[in-house]
Structures are given as structure tokens and as C-alpha cells.
Protein backbone atom coordinates (compact mmCIF):
# COMPACT_ATOMS: atom_id res chain seq x y z
CA MET A 1 -5.79 -8.08 -0.78
CA ASN A 2 -3.96 -5.07 -1.76
CA VAL A 3 -6.91 -3.01 0.40
CA LEU A 4 -6.76 -4.67 3.84
CA ILE A 5 -2.83 -3.87 3.22
CA ARG A 6 -3.86 0.20 3.75
CA LEU A 7 -6.36 -0.74 6.67
CA LEU A 8 -3.44 -2.54 8.46
CA SER A 9 -1.18 0.58 7.32
CA ILE A 10 -3.04 3.01 8.84
CA MET A 11 -3.31 0.91 11.89
CA LEU A 12 0.32 0.93 12.49
CA LEU A 13 -1.08 4.56 12.69
CA PHE A 14 -2.08 4.67 16.08
CA ALA A 15 1.40 3.81 16.97
CA ALA A 16 3.51 6.40 17.99
CA ALA A 17 6.96 6.56 20.72
CA ALA A 18 8.99 9.13 22.92
CA ARG A 19 10.00 12.25 20.63
CA GLY A 20 13.90 11.95 20.16
CA ALA A 21 16.40 14.82 18.84
CA GLU A 22 15.76 13.82 15.23
CA GLY A 23 13.28 12.68 14.93
CA PHE A 24 11.06 8.80 15.91
CA LYS A 25 10.22 5.30 14.54
CA VAL A 26 7.87 3.41 14.11
CA GLU A 27 8.71 -0.45 13.02
CA SER A 28 5.36 -2.22 12.25
CA THR A 29 3.94 -6.40 11.57
CA LEU A 30 0.50 -6.61 9.97
CA LYS A 31 -1.19 -9.52 10.19
CA ILE A 32 -4.03 -10.13 8.02
CA GLY A 33 -6.44 -13.11 8.72
CA ASP A 34 -5.67 -16.54 8.58
CA THR A 35 -3.11 -16.18 5.67
CA GLY A 36 -0.52 -16.12 7.06
CA LYS A 37 0.60 -12.93 5.46
CA THR A 38 2.36 -10.26 6.67
CA VAL A 39 3.56 -7.00 5.87
CA GLY A 40 6.24 -5.34 7.63
CA MET A 41 6.35 -1.60 7.58
CA ASN A 42 8.41 1.57 8.78
CA THR A 43 7.53 5.17 9.78
CA TYR A 44 9.28 7.24 10.56
CA PHE A 45 8.73 11.19 11.99
CA THR A 46 11.51 13.52 11.63
CA GLY A 47 11.63 17.00 9.94
CA GLY A 48 8.40 18.28 9.77
CA LYS A 49 7.48 15.25 7.74
CA ILE A 50 6.43 11.81 8.08
CA TYR A 51 7.62 8.71 5.90
CA ASP A 52 5.49 5.78 5.64
CA ILE A 53 7.48 2.97 3.71
CA ILE A 54 6.68 -0.17 3.02
CA ASP A 55 9.81 -2.98 3.86
CA ASP A 56 9.41 -4.73 0.42
CA ALA A 57 13.84 -4.74 -0.53
CA GLY A 58 14.03 -1.59 -0.78
CA LYS A 59 10.85 -2.28 -3.76
CA GLY A 60 8.04 -1.06 -1.63
CA GLU A 61 5.87 1.23 -1.81
CA ILE A 62 6.86 5.43 0.02
CA THR A 63 3.88 7.25 1.47
CA ILE A 64 5.79 10.97 2.39
CA PHE A 65 3.47 12.95 3.78
CA ASP A 66 4.56 17.19 4.21
CA ARG A 67 2.79 18.66 6.92
CA ALA A 68 4.10 22.27 5.71
CA GLY A 69 3.60 22.24 2.32
CA ASP A 70 -0.38 20.72 2.77
CA VAL A 71 0.75 17.70 0.13
CA PHE A 72 1.08 14.33 0.32
CA VAL A 73 3.91 12.83 -1.69
CA LEU A 74 2.84 9.29 -3.46
CA LEU A 75 6.30 6.54 -4.63
CA ASP A 76 6.25 3.71 -6.04
CA PRO A 77 10.16 2.74 -7.05
CA ALA A 78 9.74 -0.17 -8.24
CA CYS A 79 7.42 1.02 -10.78
CA ARG A 80 9.56 4.35 -11.38
CA ILE A 81 7.13 6.67 -10.38
CA GLN A 82 5.15 9.32 -8.21
CA THR A 83 2.20 11.27 -7.95
CA ARG A 84 1.54 13.75 -5.25
CA LEU A 85 -1.41 15.07 -3.48
CA LYS A 86 -2.89 18.45 -1.81
CA ALA A 87 -3.27 17.48 1.58
CA SER A 88 -6.56 20.40 2.60
CA GLU A 89 -7.89 19.48 -1.16
CA MET A 90 -8.46 15.66 0.19
CA ARG A 91 -9.94 16.18 2.73
CA GLU A 92 -12.72 18.70 1.71
CA LYS A 93 -14.31 16.51 -0.71
CA ILE A 94 -13.99 13.91 1.08
CA ASP A 95 -16.07 15.74 3.96
CA ALA A 96 -18.78 16.62 2.12
CA ASN A 97 -19.18 13.38 0.62
CA ARG A 98 -18.93 12.28 4.41
CA ILE A 99 -22.26 13.95 4.62
CA GLN A 100 -23.64 12.46 1.20
CA LEU A 101 -23.03 9.15 3.15
CA LEU A 102 -25.51 10.22 5.50
CA LYS A 103 -28.57 9.31 3.70
CA ASN A 104 -27.42 6.12 2.65
CA LYS A 105 -29.48 3.63 3.10
CA ASP A 106 -27.58 1.70 3.96
CA PRO A 107 -27.22 1.38 8.14
CA PHE A 108 -22.70 -0.13 7.89
CA VAL A 109 -22.93 3.27 5.58
CA VAL A 110 -24.52 6.06 7.24
CA PHE A 111 -22.31 4.08 10.98
CA ALA A 112 -19.16 4.75 9.07
CA ALA A 113 -19.80 8.57 8.62
CA LYS A 114 -20.76 9.06 11.78
CA PRO A 115 -19.35 5.98 13.74
CA LYS A 116 -21.11 5.11 17.95
CA PHE A 117 -18.48 2.43 19.47
CA ASP A 118 -19.27 1.53 23.77
CA GLU A 119 -15.93 2.31 24.53
CA SER A 120 -14.30 1.08 27.62
CA ILE A 121 -10.88 0.75 29.40
CA ASP A 122 -8.89 -1.51 31.62
CA GLU A 123 -7.00 0.75 34.05
CA THR A 124 -5.06 -2.16 34.44
CA THR A 125 -3.43 -2.68 32.13
CA GLY A 126 -4.42 0.04 29.82
CA SER A 127 -6.23 -2.79 27.42
CA MET A 128 -9.31 -0.80 25.71
CA LYS A 129 -11.86 -1.99 23.56
CA PHE A 130 -14.30 -0.61 20.86
CA GLN A 131 -16.99 -2.35 19.76
CA SER A 132 -20.28 -2.46 17.55
CA HIS A 133 -22.88 -3.74 15.85
CA TRP A 134 -19.68 -3.66 12.28
CA ILE A 135 -16.83 -3.61 13.23
CA ASP A 136 -14.51 -4.84 16.98
CA TYR A 137 -10.76 -3.46 18.01
CA ALA A 138 -9.09 -4.34 21.01
CA VAL A 139 -6.12 -1.97 21.15
CA GLU A 140 -3.30 -2.66 24.10
CA THR A 141 -1.87 0.94 25.04
CA HIS A 142 0.79 2.94 27.13
CA THR A 143 0.44 6.15 28.38
CA ALA A 144 1.81 8.52 26.14
CA GLY A 145 4.70 10.65 27.35
CA SER A 146 4.02 14.67 25.46
CA PRO A 147 0.99 15.25 24.49
CA GLU A 148 2.38 17.53 21.55
CA MET A 149 3.85 14.10 20.90
CA VAL A 150 0.28 12.41 20.40
CA ALA A 151 -1.14 15.83 19.43
CA ASP A 152 1.38 15.60 15.67
CA TYR A 153 1.14 11.62 15.94
CA PHE A 154 -2.78 11.42 15.97
CA ASP A 155 -3.05 14.23 13.31
CA PHE A 156 -1.12 12.27 10.94
CA CYS A 157 -3.28 9.70 11.60
CA ASP A 158 -6.36 11.17 10.53
CA TRP A 159 -4.80 12.55 7.23
CA TYR A 160 -3.88 9.74 6.69
CA CYS A 161 -7.30 7.98 7.03
CA TYR A 162 -8.14 10.03 5.19
CA LEU A 163 -5.80 9.53 1.94
CA ASN A 164 -6.98 6.51 2.86
CA CYS A 165 -10.36 7.04 2.02
CA ARG A 166 -8.32 9.05 -1.87
CA LEU A 167 -7.13 6.37 -2.82
CA ASN A 168 -9.97 3.52 -2.02
CA PRO A 169 -12.58 5.45 -2.35
CA TRP A 170 -14.61 1.78 -2.45
CA THR A 171 -13.82 1.59 1.10
CA ILE A 172 -15.10 3.51 4.38
CA ASN A 173 -13.71 1.90 6.74
CA PRO A 174 -11.06 4.70 7.27
CA LEU A 175 -13.44 6.97 8.89
CA ILE A 176 -14.28 4.56 11.33
CA ARG A 177 -11.06 4.97 12.58
CA MET A 178 -10.65 8.41 12.31
CA GLU A 179 -13.08 7.79 15.67
CA VAL A 180 -11.05 5.23 17.13
CA SER A 181 -8.49 7.57 16.74
CA ARG A 182 -10.16 10.34 18.53
CA ALA A 183 -10.33 7.98 21.98
CA LEU A 184 -6.80 7.30 21.77
CA ARG A 185 -5.81 11.20 21.91
CA GLU A 186 -8.44 12.56 24.27
CA LEU A 187 -6.93 9.75 26.64
CA GLY A 188 -3.39 10.42 26.28
CA ARG A 189 -3.07 6.06 25.01
CA LEU A 190 -0.76 5.55 22.17
CA PRO A 191 -1.24 1.45 21.24
CA ASP A 192 1.15 -1.22 20.77
CA LYS A 193 -1.08 -3.71 18.96
CA ILE A 194 -4.31 -3.51 17.10
CA SER A 195 -7.23 -5.99 17.12
CA VAL A 196 -9.38 -5.76 14.37
CA THR A 197 -12.70 -7.24 13.91
CA VAL A 198 -14.90 -6.71 11.22
CA TYR A 199 -18.79 -8.18 10.77
CA PRO A 200 -19.20 -7.46 6.95
CA ASP A 201 -23.05 -8.45 7.34
CA GLY A 202 -22.94 -6.97 11.51
CA LYS A 203 -23.33 -9.16 14.37
CA LYS A 204 -25.59 -11.95 14.36
CA LEU A 205 -25.95 -15.90 14.52
CA LEU A 206 -23.12 -17.96 12.18
CA ALA A 207 -21.68 -13.65 11.54
CA ARG A 208 -18.59 -13.79 8.61
CA SER A 209 -16.07 -12.22 9.96
CA GLU A 210 -12.07 -11.01 8.72
CA LYS A 211 -9.96 -10.09 11.37
CA LEU A 212 -6.45 -8.50 10.91
CA GLU A 213 -3.50 -7.20 13.68
CA SER A 214 -0.64 -5.55 13.79
CA ARG A 215 2.50 -5.09 16.77
CA HIS A 216 4.13 -1.80 16.95
CA ARG A 217 8.27 -1.15 18.34
CA TYR A 218 9.59 2.59 19.31
CA SER A 219 12.66 3.45 18.81
CA LEU A 220 13.34 7.14 20.50
CA ARG A 221 15.62 7.87 17.60
CA LEU A 222 16.84 7.31 14.31
CA SER A 223 19.54 5.61 13.87
CA GLU A 224 22.23 5.86 10.49
CA VAL A 225 20.03 3.40 8.66
CA ASP A 226 16.56 5.46 9.19
CA LEU A 227 18.34 8.03 7.90
CA LYS A 228 19.66 6.72 4.81
CA ASP A 229 16.26 5.02 4.03
CA ILE A 230 14.43 8.69 4.49
CA ALA A 231 17.30 9.94 2.80
CA ASN A 232 16.18 6.79 -0.23
CA ALA A 233 13.11 8.20 -0.22
CA GLU A 234 14.22 11.86 -1.15
CA ALA A 235 16.11 10.96 -3.04
CA PHE A 236 13.63 9.18 -5.77
CA VAL A 237 11.80 12.64 -4.49
CA GLN A 238 14.26 13.59 -6.95
CA GLN A 239 14.51 10.35 -9.85
CA LEU A 240 10.98 9.61 -10.26
CA ARG A 241 8.20 10.46 -13.51
CA VAL A 242 6.06 12.53 -11.94
CA LEU A 243 1.97 12.08 -12.92
CA PRO A 244 -0.77 13.23 -12.98
CA PHE A 245 -2.96 10.85 -9.78
CA VAL A 246 -5.64 9.16 -11.86
CA ASP A 247 -1.85 8.26 -14.44
CA TYR A 248 0.11 7.55 -11.82
CA GLN A 249 -3.32 4.50 -10.41
CA VAL A 250 -3.84 3.53 -13.34
CA GLU A 251 0.69 2.64 -13.75
CA VAL A 252 0.70 0.99 -10.62
CA GLY A 253 -2.57 -0.93 -11.75
CA LYS A 254 -1.11 -2.73 -14.82
CA LYS A 255 2.68 -3.00 -13.17
CA LYS A 256 1.15 -4.40 -9.51
CA PRO A 257 -2.51 -6.23 -10.83
CA GLU A 258 -3.34 -7.22 -7.19
CA ARG A 259 -4.01 -3.75 -6.25
CA LYS A 260 -6.78 -4.49 -7.60
CA ASN A 261 -7.91 -7.25 -5.44
């Protein structure tokens, strides 16, 4: 289940808003298949950092990306621990692994390493479709107001995909999503709703499928409540015990068994 939540969390990072004087905020509601389970998440862009906070009464996991510092900071307030990953080193390892994936005998793995979609767009509504044998995306979009904002935002989308691959080495779906991000970036369009249908065994008669959906709301400026969330995240950076990445995952796994699902 946690893998799906992380998969969905990347979906929210395809949404964006116009840049305000203090930054901007994306509020997302993520729906997992037919389970009825939803996950709320807020993402803030401000001061050269991006704060991605799962809504869980102040105890949700927090990811901070410091672009200038080339580092991801992962915070788990419930476990009272944190860890850090150097972004550029993480990208280099995953890019190298992508080359190996192209030699895999599994056709889905090869597709994930170098995905190609049949793309279409309805110019009237802004709806876009990305279709393949393995996974389909239906994206409701709008035209972005700022080319600079598009560049900044989708840069982070790609970085977050790299992070997801590092956190969940058994999944390569984030590599697929980077291709969708590329297409949206080139068109200067930002998503309002993303619907994903995954076909684990490929499209065929009576094919098994899994569905995911995300919706997004945008705020052009950060409110006092938003700034408080950011301040709390920075306070956790000072307060929580720092662990090496492997030890961090072990500790979180002990206290949150669902992360292994």
C-alpha cells in the first residue's frame, strides 16, 4: 500500500500554480483504486526549497528538497528520525541502472527504462492522453502562465521520481512518469487531474488493471498556516535524530510495517 501512496505522491508533483511573492502551494487529494482510501498532501515551493508534507495530524512524513544544497531530507516525525540523500549521486546511480534495465528480458522492464506513449491532446479542453501496452494516463491540464515556473516545477518532478526509485528500488514506475513529465513540460501545460491505469501483465482480454487518481488545487501565495507548516518542518530538521539512509529505513520499517506492503 505504501508503494501506491508514494506512486500517487509523485502524481501530485505534476500539478503547479503561478508563482507568488512568497511561493506557491499545491493541495492534493490522492485516491487509491477502489479501496476508498484517500491521502491528502501539501507541497510548498519557497525560498529555493520544496516541502512535501503528507497530511496526518502533524505526524505525516515530510520530504524537503534543497536544490542549492543538492540534498533530499527525509523526516519521520512519528519515529523521531531523519536521513539525507545527495540528489546528484542518487541520479547518477539510477541513470546507470536504467542502462542495465534495457538489457532485461522482461518487456515491461525494458518499456519502463525507455517508455514510449501514443500521445494525444484535445486542444479545446486541454485533456491529454498517454497510452501504451502497459500503462495509460489521462491528464486534464491547463496552460501555465510562466515558462520559468514550468521549468522549475518539472525539474523537481524529475528529481522526485529519482527519489522514489531510491526509496522503492523494486518499482520502476517513476521512470515511466518522467516521460509524461517531459511531454507536459514541452507543451507548457500543468495538470489538474491525473488518472492512471496500470496493466501489470499488459493489455489483453480480461486484463488485470490497477487504477490511481489525483486531483489538485492551487494557491498563488502561502498563507500563515502554510508558513507555519514550513516552519514546523524546519524545526523537525533541527530536532530529529539523523540516521544513515539504510538505518532510517530499518527503523521506519519496524514502527510502520505497512511500509513493506
